[in-house]
Amino acid sequence: MRWVYAIAIEGDRFLMVFNKKRGGWEMPGGHVEQGEGAETAAKREFREETGQEFEPVVRVVQDDGAVFAGRVRYTGKHGEMRFELFEQLPEQLAFPEWEYREQIAWARTALSLQ
């Protein structure tokens, strides 16, 4: 596993972080460090980027990475990036829109079944 990202769902909304380097909104995530499991990496990246805790519920493996769907637990701390909750994808995205749509739909469905 080389990369992970986390989709935190709260009601109908999902959490995204604003990446200044890429100039747009994206899901929290990043590279899996050597000796680190995918779930641990997803939690770490989420905490580093948002300051909040991520509670993974389900995951899907894709190529050399994993996408986790779960819930956010607010800590009141600040992370490396600004985060917001959205009902719909914002206009200013770090990556093409199609990369998010299917994953958000999957996460909403998977969590609603839990």
PDB file of N, CA and C in Angstrom:
ATOM      1  N   MET A   1       0.855  -1.172   0.000  1.00  0.00           N
ATOM      2  CA  MET A   1       0.000   0.000   0.000  1.00  0.00           C
ATOM      3  C   MET A   1       0.899   1.232   0.000  1.00  0.00           C
ATOM      4  N   ARG A   2       0.704   2.107  -0.971  1.00  0.00           N
ATOM      5  CA  ARG A   2       1.558   3.302  -1.071  1.00  0.00           C
ATOM      6  C   ARG A   2       0.852   4.569  -0.615  1.00  0.00           C
ATOM      7  N   TRP A   3      -0.474   4.637  -0.783  1.00  0.00           N
ATOM      8  CA  TRP A   3      -1.194   5.859  -0.438  1.00  0.00           C
ATOM      9  C   TRP A   3      -2.533   5.514   0.199  1.00  0.00           C
ATOM     10  N   VAL A   4      -3.101   6.490   0.913  1.00  0.00           N
ATOM     11  CA  VAL A   4      -4.424   6.361   1.538  1.00  0.00           C
ATOM     12  C   VAL A   4      -5.106   7.710   1.478  1.00  0.00           C
ATOM     13  N   TYR A   5      -6.426   7.690   1.496  1.00  0.00           N
ATOM     14  CA  TYR A   5      -7.147   8.916   1.828  1.00  0.00           C
ATOM     15  C   TYR A   5      -8.431   8.593   2.539  1.00  0.00           C
ATOM     16  N   ALA A   6      -8.937   9.583   3.260  1.00  0.00           N
ATOM     17  CA  ALA A   6     -10.052   9.393   4.176  1.00  0.00           C
ATOM     18  C   ALA A   6     -11.221  10.277   3.771  1.00  0.00           C
ATOM     19  N   ILE A   7     -12.392   9.668   3.709  1.00  0.00           N
ATOM     20  CA  ILE A   7     -13.622  10.417   3.455  1.00  0.00           C
ATOM     21  C   ILE A   7     -14.445  10.382   4.740  1.00  0.00           C
ATOM     22  N   ALA A   8     -14.496  11.505   5.418  1.00  0.00           N
ATOM     23  CA  ALA A   8     -15.271  11.615   6.649  1.00  0.00           C
ATOM     24  C   ALA A   8     -16.649  12.163   6.297  1.00  0.00           C
ATOM     25  N   ILE A   9     -17.671  11.406   6.666  1.00  0.00           N
ATOM     26  CA  ILE A   9     -19.061  11.778   6.377  1.00  0.00           C
ATOM     27  C   ILE A   9     -19.756  12.187   7.669  1.00  0.00           C
ATOM     28  N   GLU A  10     -20.466  13.301   7.596  1.00  0.00           N
ATOM     29  CA  GLU A  10     -21.271  13.773   8.726  1.00  0.00           C
ATOM     30  C   GLU A  10     -22.636  14.145   8.175  1.00  0.00           C
ATOM     31  N   GLY A  11     -23.620  13.284   8.395  1.00  0.00           N
ATOM     32  CA  GLY A  11     -24.944  13.494   7.796  1.00  0.00           C
ATOM     33  C   GLY A  11     -24.829  13.405   6.285  1.00  0.00           C
ATOM     34  N   ASP A  12     -25.245  14.463   5.586  1.00  0.00           N
ATOM     35  CA  ASP A  12     -25.133  14.513   4.125  1.00  0.00           C
ATOM     36  C   ASP A  12     -23.851  15.201   3.670  1.00  0.00           C
ATOM     37  N   ARG A  13     -23.042  15.638   4.612  1.00  0.00           N
ATOM     38  CA  ARG A  13     -21.849  16.410   4.266  1.00  0.00           C
ATOM     39  C   ARG A  13     -20.578  15.558   4.371  1.00  0.00           C
ATOM     40  N   PHE A  14     -19.557  15.977   3.654  1.00  0.00           N
ATOM     41  CA  PHE A  14     -18.259  15.297   3.681  1.00  0.00           C
ATOM     42  C   PHE A  14     -17.180  16.343   3.913  1.00  0.00           C
ATOM     43  N   LEU A  15     -16.096  15.922   4.535  1.00  0.00           N
ATOM     44  CA  LEU A  15     -15.019  16.821   4.912  1.00  0.00           C
ATOM     45  C   LEU A  15     -13.948  16.847   3.828  1.00  0.00           C
ATOM     46  N   MET A  16     -13.484  18.047   3.514  1.00  0.00           N
ATOM     47  CA  MET A  16     -12.365  18.235   2.595  1.00  0.00           C
ATOM     48  C   MET A  16     -11.403  19.250   3.196  1.00  0.00           C
ATOM     49  N   VAL A  17     -10.136  19.154   2.789  1.00  0.00           N
ATOM     50  CA  VAL A  17      -9.110  20.099   3.221  1.00  0.00           C
ATOM     51  C   VAL A  17      -8.674  20.925   2.030  1.00  0.00           C
ATOM     52  N   PHE A  18      -8.259  22.168   2.302  1.00  0.00           N
ATOM     53  CA  PHE A  18      -7.762  23.021   1.226  1.00  0.00           C
ATOM     54  C   PHE A  18      -6.247  22.920   1.181  1.00  0.00           C
ATOM     55  N   ASN A  19      -5.731  22.403   0.071  1.00  0.00           N
ATOM     56  CA  ASN A  19      -4.300  22.240  -0.117  1.00  0.00           C
ATOM     57  C   ASN A  19      -3.763  23.469  -0.855  1.00  0.00           C
ATOM     58  N   LYS A  20      -3.052  24.327  -0.144  1.00  0.00           N
ATOM     59  CA  LYS A  20      -2.518  25.563  -0.751  1.00  0.00           C
ATOM     60  C   LYS A  20      -1.520  25.264  -1.861  1.00  0.00           C
ATOM     61  N   LYS A  21      -0.724  24.218  -1.711  1.00  0.00           N
ATOM     62  CA  LYS A  21       0.270  23.866  -2.728  1.00  0.00           C
ATOM     63  C   LYS A  21      -0.393  23.506  -4.056  1.00  0.00           C
ATOM     64  N   ARG A  22      -1.522  22.809  -3.991  1.00  0.00           N
ATOM     65  CA  ARG A  22      -2.228  22.411  -5.210  1.00  0.00           C
ATOM     66  C   ARG A  22      -3.333  23.402  -5.586  1.00  0.00           C
ATOM     67  N   GLY A  23      -3.622  24.325  -4.681  1.00  0.00           N
ATOM     68  CA  GLY A  23      -4.606  25.362  -4.961  1.00  0.00           C
ATOM     69  C   GLY A  23      -6.035  24.870  -5.047  1.00  0.00           C
ATOM     70  N   GLY A  24      -6.393  23.867  -4.234  1.00  0.00           N
ATOM     71  CA  GLY A  24      -7.764  23.388  -4.274  1.00  0.00           C
ATOM     72  C   GLY A  24      -8.099  22.445  -3.129  1.00  0.00           C
ATOM     73  N   TRP A  25      -9.372  22.072  -3.096  1.00  0.00           N
ATOM     74  CA  TRP A  25      -9.920  21.184  -2.072  1.00  0.00           C
ATOM     75  C   TRP A  25      -9.649  19.730  -2.449  1.00  0.00           C
ATOM     76  N   GLU A  26      -9.391  18.929  -1.424  1.00  0.00           N
ATOM     77  CA  GLU A  26      -9.145  17.503  -1.618  1.00  0.00           C
ATOM     78  C   GLU A  26      -9.482  16.761  -0.332  1.00  0.00           C
ATOM     79  N   MET A  27      -9.489  15.437  -0.410  1.00  0.00           N
ATOM     80  CA  MET A  27      -9.707  14.617   0.769  1.00  0.00           C
ATOM     81  C   MET A  27      -8.395  14.516   1.544  1.00  0.00           C
ATOM     82  N   PRO A  28      -8.455  14.455   2.869  1.00  0.00           N
ATOM     83  CA  PRO A  28      -7.228  14.256   3.631  1.00  0.00           C
ATOM     84  C   PRO A  28      -6.596  12.915   3.261  1.00  0.00           C
ATOM     85  N   GLY A  29      -5.298  12.896   3.139  1.00  0.00           N
ATOM     86  CA  GLY A  29      -4.614  11.645   2.831  1.00  0.00           C
ATOM     87  C   GLY A  29      -3.186  11.882   2.421  1.00  0.00           C
ATOM     88  N   GLY A  30      -2.516  10.784   2.078  1.00  0.00           N
ATOM     89  CA  GLY A  30      -1.132  10.897   1.664  1.00  0.00           C
ATOM     90  C   GLY A  30      -0.472   9.545   1.575  1.00  0.00           C
ATOM     91  N   HIS A  31       0.828   9.554   1.716  1.00  0.00           N
ATOM     92  CA  HIS A  31       1.634   8.343   1.558  1.00  0.00           C
ATOM     93  C   HIS A  31       1.671   7.520   2.840  1.00  0.00           C
ATOM     94  N   VAL A  32       1.705   6.205   2.672  1.00  0.00           N
ATOM     95  CA  VAL A  32       1.893   5.284   3.786  1.00  0.00           C
ATOM     96  C   VAL A  32       3.389   5.215   4.071  1.00  0.00           C
ATOM     97  N   GLU A  33       3.762   5.439   5.315  1.00  0.00           N
ATOM     98  CA  GLU A  33       5.165   5.401   5.695  1.00  0.00           C
ATOM     99  C   GLU A  33       5.620   3.952   5.873  1.00  0.00           C
ATOM    100  N   GLN A  34       6.911   3.732   5.748  1.00  0.00           N
ATOM    101  CA  GLN A  34       7.474   2.391   5.879  1.00  0.00           C
ATOM    102  C   GLN A  34       7.119   1.799   7.239  1.00  0.00           C
ATOM    103  N   GLY A  35       6.620   0.556   7.229  1.00  0.00           N
ATOM    104  CA  GLY A  35       6.245  -0.131   8.451  1.00  0.00           C
ATOM    105  C   GLY A  35       4.881   0.257   8.996  1.00  0.00           C
ATOM    106  N   GLU A  36       4.162   1.110   8.304  1.00  0.00           N
ATOM    107  CA  GLU A  36       2.858   1.618   8.757  1.00  0.00           C
ATOM    108  C   GLU A  36       1.742   0.910   8.003  1.00  0.00           C
ATOM    109  N   GLY A  37       0.685   0.540   8.693  1.00  0.00           N
ATOM    110  CA  GLY A  37      -0.475  -0.043   8.046  1.00  0.00           C
ATOM    111  C   GLY A  37      -1.343   1.038   7.415  1.00  0.00           C
ATOM    112  N   ALA A  38      -2.196   0.627   6.490  1.00  0.00           N
ATOM    113  CA  ALA A  38      -3.036   1.586   5.766  1.00  0.00           C
ATOM    114  C   ALA A  38      -3.973   2.359   6.699  1.00  0.00           C
ATOM    115  N   GLU A  39      -4.625   1.676   7.622  1.00  0.00           N
ATOM    116  CA  GLU A  39      -5.557   2.362   8.523  1.00  0.00           C
ATOM    117  C   GLU A  39      -4.824   3.359   9.416  1.00  0.00           C
ATOM    118  N   THR A  40      -3.687   2.966   9.926  1.00  0.00           N
ATOM    119  CA  THR A  40      -2.878   3.868  10.752  1.00  0.00           C
ATOM    120  C   THR A  40      -2.460   5.096   9.951  1.00  0.00           C
ATOM    121  N   ALA A  41      -2.064   4.871   8.698  1.00  0.00           N
ATOM    122  CA  ALA A  41      -1.661   5.982   7.833  1.00  0.00           C
ATOM    123  C   ALA A  41      -2.822   6.936   7.588  1.00  0.00           C
ATOM    124  N   ALA A  42      -4.023   6.395   7.339  1.00  0.00           N
ATOM    125  CA  ALA A  42      -5.198   7.240   7.101  1.00  0.00           C
ATOM    126  C   ALA A  42      -5.508   8.095   8.330  1.00  0.00           C
ATOM    127  N   LYS A  43      -5.451   7.498   9.500  1.00  0.00           N
ATOM    128  CA  LYS A  43      -5.702   8.250  10.735  1.00  0.00           C
ATOM    129  C   LYS A  43      -4.647   9.334  10.944  1.00  0.00           C
ATOM    130  N   ARG A  44      -3.382   8.981  10.709  1.00  0.00           N
ATOM    131  CA  ARG A  44      -2.295   9.942  10.893  1.00  0.00           C
ATOM    132  C   ARG A  44      -2.420  11.118   9.938  1.00  0.00           C
ATOM    133  N   GLU A  45      -2.626  10.813   8.657  1.00  0.00           N
ATOM    134  CA  GLU A  45      -2.753  11.885   7.662  1.00  0.00           C
ATOM    135  C   GLU A  45      -3.933  12.789   7.986  1.00  0.00           C
ATOM    136  N   PHE A  46      -5.060  12.222   8.376  1.00  0.00           N
ATOM    137  CA  PHE A  46      -6.245  13.000   8.729  1.00  0.00           C
ATOM    138  C   PHE A  46      -5.938  13.929   9.909  1.00  0.00           C
ATOM    139  N   ARG A  47      -5.294  13.371  10.942  1.00  0.00           N
ATOM    140  CA  ARG A  47      -4.955  14.154  12.130  1.00  0.00           C
ATOM    141  C   ARG A  47      -3.963  15.266  11.782  1.00  0.00           C
ATOM    142  N   GLU A  48      -2.933  14.956  10.977  1.00  0.00           N
ATOM    143  CA  GLU A  48      -1.945  15.975  10.607  1.00  0.00           C
ATOM    144  C   GLU A  48      -2.581  17.111   9.812  1.00  0.00           C
ATOM    145  N   GLU A  49      -3.445  16.765   8.875  1.00  0.00           N
ATOM    146  CA  GLU A  49      -4.007  17.777   7.982  1.00  0.00           C
ATOM    147  C   GLU A  49      -5.145  18.570   8.592  1.00  0.00           C
ATOM    148  N   THR A  50      -5.969  17.929   9.448  1.00  0.00           N
ATOM    149  CA  THR A  50      -7.144  18.623   9.994  1.00  0.00           C
ATOM    150  C   THR A  50      -7.028  18.970  11.475  1.00  0.00           C
ATOM    151  N   GLY A  51      -6.222  18.226  12.217  1.00  0.00           N
ATOM    152  CA  GLY A  51      -6.173  18.381  13.668  1.00  0.00           C
ATOM    153  C   GLY A  51      -7.237  17.553  14.360  1.00  0.00           C
ATOM    154  N   GLN A  52      -8.120  16.932  13.601  1.00  0.00           N
ATOM    155  CA  GLN A  52      -9.216  16.140  14.146  1.00  0.00           C
ATOM    156  C   GLN A  52      -8.870  14.645  14.052  1.00  0.00           C
ATOM    157  N   GLU A  53      -9.674  13.812  14.695  1.00  0.00           N
ATOM    158  CA  GLU A  53      -9.458  12.371  14.660  1.00  0.00           C
ATOM    159  C   GLU A  53     -10.414  11.727  13.650  1.00  0.00           C
ATOM    160  N   PHE A  54      -9.937  10.727  12.940  1.00  0.00           N
ATOM    161  CA  PHE A  54     -10.730  10.000  11.955  1.00  0.00           C
ATOM    162  C   PHE A  54     -11.004   8.598  12.482  1.00  0.00           C
ATOM    163  N   GLU A  55     -12.276   8.199  12.429  1.00  0.00           N
ATOM    164  CA  GLU A  55     -12.676   6.871  12.865  1.00  0.00           C
ATOM    165  C   GLU A  55     -13.128   6.082  11.641  1.00  0.00           C
ATOM    166  N   PRO A  56     -12.215   5.279  11.046  1.00  0.00           N
ATOM    167  CA  PRO A  56     -12.560   4.526   9.843  1.00  0.00           C
ATOM    168  C   PRO A  56     -13.612   3.458  10.132  1.00  0.00           C
ATOM    169  N   VAL A  57     -14.521   3.270   9.187  1.00  0.00           N
ATOM    170  CA  VAL A  57     -15.565   2.254   9.319  1.00  0.00           C
ATOM    171  C   VAL A  57     -15.396   1.185   8.236  1.00  0.00           C
ATOM    172  N   VAL A  58     -15.200   1.613   7.006  1.00  0.00           N
ATOM    173  CA  VAL A  58     -15.019   0.679   5.883  1.00  0.00           C
ATOM    174  C   VAL A  58     -13.895   1.189   4.985  1.00  0.00           C
ATOM    175  N   ARG A  59     -13.364   0.266   4.168  1.00  0.00           N
ATOM    176  CA  ARG A  59     -12.322   0.679   3.225  1.00  0.00           C
ATOM    177  C   ARG A  59     -12.470  -0.094   1.930  1.00  0.00           C
ATOM    178  N   VAL A  60     -11.915   0.492   0.884  1.00  0.00           N
ATOM    179  CA  VAL A  60     -11.833  -0.151  -0.414  1.00  0.00           C
ATOM    180  C   VAL A  60     -10.394   0.019  -0.903  1.00  0.00           C
ATOM    181  N   VAL A  61      -9.835  -1.069  -1.430  1.00  0.00           N
ATOM    182  CA  VAL A  61      -8.469  -1.038  -1.946  1.00  0.00           C
ATOM    183  C   VAL A  61      -8.523  -0.744  -3.430  1.00  0.00           C
ATOM    184  N   GLN A  62      -7.649   0.162  -3.882  1.00  0.00           N
ATOM    185  CA  GLN A  62      -7.583   0.552  -5.290  1.00  0.00           C
ATOM    186  C   GLN A  62      -6.131   0.582  -5.722  1.00  0.00           C
ATOM    187  N   ASP A  63      -5.781  -0.266  -6.670  1.00  0.00           N
ATOM    188  CA  ASP A  63      -4.411  -0.330  -7.173  1.00  0.00           C
ATOM    189  C   ASP A  63      -3.427  -0.445  -6.004  1.00  0.00           C
ATOM    190  N   ASP A  64      -2.631   0.580  -5.782  1.00  0.00           N
ATOM    191  CA  ASP A  64      -1.636   0.536  -4.712  1.00  0.00           C
ATOM    192  C   ASP A  64      -2.011   1.454  -3.547  1.00  0.00           C
ATOM    193  N   GLY A  65      -3.314   1.638  -3.329  1.00  0.00           N
ATOM    194  CA  GLY A  65      -3.771   2.492  -2.248  1.00  0.00           C
ATOM    195  C   GLY A  65      -5.087   2.032  -1.668  1.00  0.00           C
ATOM    196  N   ALA A  66      -5.570   2.772  -0.676  1.00  0.00           N
ATOM    197  CA  ALA A  66      -6.838   2.455  -0.023  1.00  0.00           C
ATOM    198  C   ALA A  66      -7.599   3.736   0.297  1.00  0.00           C
ATOM    199  N   VAL A  67      -8.905   3.665   0.139  1.00  0.00           N
ATOM    200  CA  VAL A  67      -9.791   4.763   0.496  1.00  0.00           C
ATOM    201  C   VAL A  67     -10.631   4.294   1.681  1.00  0.00           C
ATOM    202  N   PHE A  68     -10.646   5.091   2.730  1.00  0.00           N
ATOM    203  CA  PHE A  68     -11.417   4.778   3.930  1.00  0.00           C
ATOM    204  C   PHE A  68     -12.611   5.715   4.034  1.00  0.00           C
ATOM    205  N   ALA A  69     -13.728   5.181   4.481  1.00  0.00           N
ATOM    206  CA  ALA A  69     -14.905   5.987   4.799  1.00  0.00           C
ATOM    207  C   ALA A  69     -15.124   5.870   6.300  1.00  0.00           C
ATOM    208  N   GLY A  70     -15.445   6.990   6.928  1.00  0.00           N
ATOM    209  CA  GLY A  70     -15.634   6.957   8.369  1.00  0.00           C
ATOM    210  C   GLY A  70     -16.215   8.253   8.892  1.00  0.00           C
ATOM    211  N   ARG A  71     -16.014   8.445  10.164  1.00  0.00           N
ATOM    212  CA  ARG A  71     -16.556   9.600  10.874  1.00  0.00           C
ATOM    213  C   ARG A  71     -15.430  10.462  11.438  1.00  0.00           C
ATOM    214  N   VAL A  72     -15.742  11.718  11.647  1.00  0.00           N
ATOM    215  CA  VAL A  72     -14.775  12.633  12.258  1.00  0.00           C
ATOM    216  C   VAL A  72     -15.132  12.802  13.732  1.00  0.00           C
ATOM    217  N   ARG A  73     -14.109  12.837  14.563  1.00  0.00           N
ATOM    218  CA  ARG A  73     -14.276  13.171  15.980  1.00  0.00           C
ATOM    219  C   ARG A  73     -13.517  14.463  16.201  1.00  0.00           C
ATOM    220  N   TYR A  74     -14.248  15.512  16.542  1.00  0.00           N
ATOM    221  CA  TYR A  74     -13.667  16.847  16.668  1.00  0.00           C
ATOM    222  C   TYR A  74     -12.859  16.967  17.961  1.00  0.00           C
ATOM    223  N   THR A  75     -11.678  17.534  17.815  1.00  0.00           N
ATOM    224  CA  THR A  75     -10.775  17.706  18.950  1.00  0.00           C
ATOM    225  C   THR A  75     -10.609  19.169  19.340  1.00  0.00           C
ATOM    226  N   GLY A  76     -10.989  20.086  18.440  1.00  0.00           N
ATOM    227  CA  GLY A  76     -10.781  21.500  18.683  1.00  0.00           C
ATOM    228  C   GLY A  76      -9.372  21.965  18.334  1.00  0.00           C
ATOM    229  N   LYS A  77      -8.548  21.042  17.826  1.00  0.00           N
ATOM    230  CA  LYS A  77      -7.173  21.382  17.455  1.00  0.00           C
ATOM    231  C   LYS A  77      -7.126  21.838  16.003  1.00  0.00           C
ATOM    232  N   HIS A  78      -5.990  22.404  15.617  1.00  0.00           N
ATOM    233  CA  HIS A  78      -5.772  22.846  14.245  1.00  0.00           C
ATOM    234  C   HIS A  78      -4.744  21.948  13.581  1.00  0.00           C
ATOM    235  N   GLY A  79      -4.951  21.692  12.303  1.00  0.00           N
ATOM    236  CA  GLY A  79      -4.011  20.904  11.540  1.00  0.00           C
ATOM    237  C   GLY A  79      -3.251  21.776  10.552  1.00  0.00           C
ATOM    238  N   GLU A  80      -2.577  21.116   9.622  1.00  0.00           N
ATOM    239  CA  GLU A  80      -1.772  21.813   8.622  1.00  0.00           C
ATOM    240  C   GLU A  80      -2.624  22.546   7.589  1.00  0.00           C
ATOM    241  N   MET A  81      -3.869  22.121   7.419  1.00  0.00           N
ATOM    242  CA  MET A  81      -4.729  22.686   6.385  1.00  0.00           C
ATOM    243  C   MET A  81      -6.081  23.093   6.965  1.00  0.00           C
ATOM    244  N   ARG A  82      -6.720  24.007   6.282  1.00  0.00           N
ATOM    245  CA  ARG A  82      -8.089  24.396   6.635  1.00  0.00           C
ATOM    246  C   ARG A  82      -9.031  23.308   6.142  1.00  0.00           C
ATOM    247  N   PHE A  83     -10.039  22.967   6.947  1.00  0.00           N
ATOM    248  CA  PHE A  83     -11.020  21.986   6.496  1.00  0.00           C
ATOM    249  C   PHE A  83     -12.427  22.553   6.597  1.00  0.00           C
ATOM    250  N   GLU A  84     -13.300  22.018   5.761  1.00  0.00           N
ATOM    251  CA  GLU A  84     -14.712  22.389   5.777  1.00  0.00           C
ATOM    252  C   GLU A  84     -15.544  21.165   5.431  1.00  0.00           C
ATOM    253  N   LEU A  85     -16.823  21.231   5.792  1.00  0.00           N
ATOM    254  CA  LEU A  85     -17.793  20.204   5.414  1.00  0.00           C
ATOM    255  C   LEU A  85     -18.606  20.721   4.233  1.00  0.00           C
ATOM    256  N   PHE A  86     -18.824  19.867   3.256  1.00  0.00           N
ATOM    257  CA  PHE A  86     -19.562  20.233   2.047  1.00  0.00           C
ATOM    258  C   PHE A  86     -20.684  19.236   1.790  1.00  0.00           C
ATOM    259  N   GLU A  87     -21.786  19.732   1.222  1.00  0.00           N
ATOM    260  CA  GLU A  87     -22.848  18.846   0.731  1.00  0.00           C
ATOM    261  C   GLU A  87     -22.581  18.468  -0.719  1.00  0.00           C
ATOM    262  N   GLN A  88     -21.965  19.394  -1.463  1.00  0.00           N
ATOM    263  CA  GLN A  88     -21.612  19.174  -2.861  1.00  0.00           C
ATOM    264  C   GLN A  88     -20.162  19.574  -3.057  1.00  0.00           C
ATOM    265  N   LEU A  89     -19.557  19.035  -4.094  1.00  0.00           N
ATOM    266  CA  LEU A  89     -18.160  19.369  -4.361  1.00  0.00           C
ATOM    267  C   LEU A  89     -17.994  20.861  -4.620  1.00  0.00           C
ATOM    268  N   PRO A  90     -16.987  21.473  -4.015  1.00  0.00           N
ATOM    269  CA  PRO A  90     -16.712  22.887  -4.290  1.00  0.00           C
ATOM    270  C   PRO A  90     -16.121  23.028  -5.691  1.00  0.00           C
ATOM    271  N   GLU A  91     -16.126  24.242  -6.203  1.00  0.00           N
ATOM    272  CA  GLU A  91     -15.610  24.490  -7.552  1.00  0.00           C
ATOM    273  C   GLU A  91     -14.100  24.344  -7.633  1.00  0.00           C
ATOM    274  N   GLN A  92     -13.405  24.798  -6.651  1.00  0.00           N
ATOM    275  CA  GLN A  92     -11.943  24.823  -6.689  1.00  0.00           C
ATOM    276  C   GLN A  92     -11.381  23.523  -6.107  1.00  0.00           C
ATOM    277  N   LEU A  93     -11.162  22.524  -6.964  1.00  0.00           N
ATOM    278  CA  LEU A  93     -10.670  21.218  -6.540  1.00  0.00           C
ATOM    279  C   LEU A  93      -9.199  21.044  -6.893  1.00  0.00           C
ATOM    280  N   ALA A  94      -8.486  20.257  -6.083  1.00  0.00           N
ATOM    281  CA  ALA A  94      -7.075  19.990  -6.333  1.00  0.00           C
ATOM    282  C   ALA A  94      -6.883  18.990  -7.477  1.00  0.00           C
ATOM    283  N   PHE A  95      -7.868  18.110  -7.671  1.00  0.00           N
ATOM    284  CA  PHE A  95      -7.818  17.084  -8.703  1.00  0.00           C
ATOM    285  C   PHE A  95      -9.119  17.114  -9.493  1.00  0.00           C
ATOM    286  N   PRO A  96      -9.187  16.425 -10.635  1.00  0.00           N
ATOM    287  CA  PRO A  96     -10.424  16.438 -11.434  1.00  0.00           C
ATOM    288  C   PRO A  96     -11.636  15.924 -10.647  1.00  0.00           C
ATOM    289  N   GLU A  97     -12.769  16.536 -10.931  1.00  0.00           N
ATOM    290  CA  GLU A  97     -14.017  16.236 -10.223  1.00  0.00           C
ATOM    291  C   GLU A  97     -14.356  14.748 -10.214  1.00  0.00           C
ATOM    292  N   TRP A  98     -14.142  14.062 -11.333  1.00  0.00           N
ATOM    293  CA  TRP A  98     -14.513  12.646 -11.415  1.00  0.00           C
ATOM    294  C   TRP A  98     -13.778  11.795 -10.386  1.00  0.00           C
ATOM    295  N   GLU A  99     -12.633  12.246  -9.912  1.00  0.00           N
ATOM    296  CA  GLU A  99     -11.886  11.490  -8.918  1.00  0.00           C
ATOM    297  C   GLU A  99     -12.595  11.477  -7.562  1.00  0.00           C
ATOM    298  N   TYR A 100     -13.490  12.418  -7.338  1.00  0.00           N
ATOM    299  CA  TYR A 100     -14.177  12.521  -6.053  1.00  0.00           C
ATOM    300  C   TYR A 100     -15.593  11.948  -6.076  1.00  0.00           C
ATOM    301  N   ARG A 101     -16.332  12.182  -7.151  1.00  0.00           N
ATOM    302  CA  ARG A 101     -17.757  11.846  -7.190  1.00  0.00           C
ATOM    303  C   ARG A 101     -18.056  10.400  -6.808  1.00  0.00           C
ATOM    304  N   GLU A 102     -17.392   9.458  -7.458  1.00  0.00           N
ATOM    305  CA  GLU A 102     -17.653   8.044  -7.204  1.00  0.00           C
ATOM    306  C   GLU A 102     -17.284   7.648  -5.775  1.00  0.00           C
ATOM    307  N   GLN A 103     -16.179   8.172  -5.283  1.00  0.00           N
ATOM    308  CA  GLN A 103     -15.725   7.831  -3.931  1.00  0.00           C
ATOM    309  C   GLN A 103     -16.656   8.389  -2.857  1.00  0.00           C
ATOM    310  N   ILE A 104     -17.133   9.598  -3.048  1.00  0.00           N
ATOM    311  CA  ILE A 104     -18.067  10.183  -2.076  1.00  0.00           C
ATOM    312  C   ILE A 104     -19.374   9.404  -2.069  1.00  0.00           C
ATOM    313  N   ALA A 105     -19.875   9.042  -3.238  1.00  0.00           N
ATOM    314  CA  ALA A 105     -21.105   8.246  -3.317  1.00  0.00           C
ATOM    315  C   ALA A 105     -20.911   6.904  -2.615  1.00  0.00           C
ATOM    316  N   TRP A 106     -19.771   6.263  -2.864  1.00  0.00           N
ATOM    317  CA  TRP A 106     -19.470   4.988  -2.195  1.00  0.00           C
ATOM    318  C   TRP A 106     -19.455   5.169  -0.688  1.00  0.00           C
ATOM    319  N   ALA A 107     -18.767   6.194  -0.200  1.00  0.00           N
ATOM    320  CA  ALA A 107     -18.641   6.419   1.236  1.00  0.00           C
ATOM    321  C   ALA A 107     -20.000   6.673   1.888  1.00  0.00           C
ATOM    322  N   ARG A 108     -20.821   7.488   1.267  1.00  0.00           N
ATOM    323  CA  ARG A 108     -22.159   7.757   1.808  1.00  0.00           C
ATOM    324  C   ARG A 108     -22.980   6.480   1.900  1.00  0.00           C
ATOM    325  N   THR A 109     -22.951   5.677   0.839  1.00  0.00           N
ATOM    326  CA  THR A 109     -23.718   4.419   0.824  1.00  0.00           C
ATOM    327  C   THR A 109     -23.167   3.438   1.856  1.00  0.00           C
ATOM    328  N   ALA A 110     -21.872   3.254   1.866  1.00  0.00           N
ATOM    329  CA  ALA A 110     -21.252   2.293   2.794  1.00  0.00           C
ATOM    330  C   ALA A 110     -21.534   2.644   4.245  1.00  0.00           C
ATOM    331  N   LEU A 111     -21.451   3.903   4.579  1.00  0.00           N
ATOM    332  CA  LEU A 111     -21.696   4.306   5.973  1.00  0.00           C
ATOM    333  C   LEU A 111     -23.163   4.235   6.327  1.00  0.00           C
ATOM    334  N   SER A 112     -24.050   4.458   5.371  1.00  0.00           N
ATOM    335  CA  SER A 112     -25.487   4.372   5.669  1.00  0.00           C
ATOM    336  C   SER A 112     -25.907   2.934   5.952  1.00  0.00           C
ATOM    337  N   LEU A 113     -25.121   1.965   5.494  1.00  0.00           N
ATOM    338  CA  LEU A 113     -25.428   0.550   5.710  1.00  0.00           C
ATOM    339  C   LEU A 113     -24.865   0.029   7.034  1.00  0.00           C
ATOM    340  N   GLN A 114     -24.067   0.826   7.699  1.00  0.00           N
ATOM    341  CA  GLN A 114     -23.443   0.399   8.955  1.00  0.00           C
ATOM    342  C   GLN A 114     -24.359   0.623  10.153  1.00  0.00           C
TER     343      GLN A 114
END
